[in-house]
């Protein structure tokens, strides 16, 4: 039988977080102490982790930078070798 304990601690500031209703997987919770956005990753026992938005895919930013960098390298190579 699931525990009625809906209390855990913020991974950012270690502040106590008590939920009034039964938590759901994927539910977003905001720590009242440090205002960090957290996500319920486990309901029994209650466990929270930092919340990440699907819209903020950091990998896309890196691939964009990598592509721009590769293009710059090719341009630089062509300028260097065209002088010989």
Protein backbone atom coordinates (compact mmCIF):
# COMPACT_ATOMS: atom_id res chain seq x y z
CA UNK A 1 0.00 0.00 0.00
CA UNK A 2 1.44 3.44 -0.94
CA UNK A 3 2.64 5.65 1.85
CA UNK A 4 0.65 8.78 2.66
CA UNK A 5 3.93 10.67 3.08
CA UNK A 6 4.05 13.34 0.36
CA UNK A 7 7.11 15.15 1.69
CA UNK A 8 10.57 15.31 0.16
CA UNK A 9 13.49 17.73 -0.15
CA UNK A 10 14.53 20.09 -2.94
CA UNK A 11 17.67 18.83 -4.73
CA UNK A 12 18.79 22.47 -5.16
CA UNK A 13 18.49 23.97 -1.67
CA UNK A 14 17.49 20.96 0.48
CA UNK A 15 14.34 22.83 1.52
CA UNK A 16 11.43 20.67 2.64
CA UNK A 17 8.66 20.25 0.03
CA UNK A 18 5.25 18.96 1.11
CA UNK A 19 2.60 18.20 -1.50
CA UNK A 20 -1.07 18.63 -0.60
CA UNK A 21 -2.34 16.14 -3.21
CA UNK A 22 -1.07 12.81 -4.45
CA UNK A 23 1.85 13.42 -6.83
CA UNK A 24 1.75 12.35 -10.50
CA UNK A 25 4.75 11.33 -12.58
CA UNK A 26 5.90 14.30 -14.65
CA UNK A 27 4.10 16.81 -12.42
CA UNK A 28 5.93 20.14 -12.11
CA UNK A 29 6.54 21.46 -8.60
CA UNK A 30 8.17 24.77 -7.61
CA UNK A 31 10.27 24.88 -4.45
CA UNK A 32 8.92 27.64 -2.20
CA UNK A 33 12.39 28.27 -0.75
CA UNK A 34 14.53 28.73 -3.87
CA UNK A 35 11.88 28.88 -6.66
CA UNK A 36 13.54 26.02 -8.59
CA UNK A 37 11.26 24.18 -11.02
CA UNK A 38 11.23 20.48 -10.23
CA UNK A 39 9.57 17.43 -11.72
CA UNK A 40 8.15 14.36 -9.99
CA UNK A 41 10.28 11.46 -11.26
CA UNK A 42 9.12 8.88 -8.70
CA UNK A 43 5.93 8.73 -6.66
CA UNK A 44 6.80 5.98 -4.18
CA UNK A 45 8.92 7.14 -2.49
CA UNK A 46 8.40 10.72 -3.65
CA UNK A 47 11.43 11.91 -5.62
CA UNK A 48 11.98 15.21 -7.43
CA UNK A 49 14.58 16.24 -9.98
CA UNK A 50 15.30 19.43 -11.93
CA UNK A 51 12.65 20.07 -14.58
CA UNK A 52 13.71 20.44 -18.21
CA UNK A 53 11.50 21.89 -20.94
CA UNK A 54 11.26 19.93 -24.19
CA UNK A 55 11.48 23.28 -26.02
CA UNK A 56 14.90 23.96 -24.53
CA UNK A 57 16.84 21.27 -26.37
CA UNK A 58 20.42 22.31 -25.69
CA UNK A 59 21.69 19.74 -28.17
CA UNK A 60 20.17 21.73 -31.04
CA UNK A 61 22.12 24.82 -30.00
CA UNK A 62 25.34 22.83 -29.95
CA UNK A 63 24.69 21.32 -33.39
CA UNK A 64 24.00 24.81 -34.78
CA UNK A 65 27.26 26.08 -33.32
CA UNK A 66 29.13 23.05 -34.60
CA UNK A 67 27.77 23.56 -38.13
CA UNK A 68 28.69 27.25 -38.12
CA UNK A 69 32.14 26.38 -36.82
CA UNK A 70 32.69 23.75 -39.55
CA UNK A 71 31.64 26.24 -42.23
CA UNK A 72 34.05 28.80 -40.80
CA UNK A 73 36.89 26.26 -40.85
CA UNK A 74 36.25 25.44 -44.51
CA UNK A 75 36.21 29.13 -45.41
CA UNK A 76 39.41 29.73 -43.45
CA UNK A 77 41.12 26.77 -45.11
CA UNK A 78 40.18 28.02 -48.57
CA UNK A 79 41.57 31.48 -47.81
CA UNK A 80 44.80 30.10 -46.37
CA UNK A 81 45.48 27.68 -49.21
CA UNK A 82 44.47 30.09 -51.97
CA UNK A 83 47.50 32.22 -51.09
CA UNK A 84 49.91 29.43 -52.07
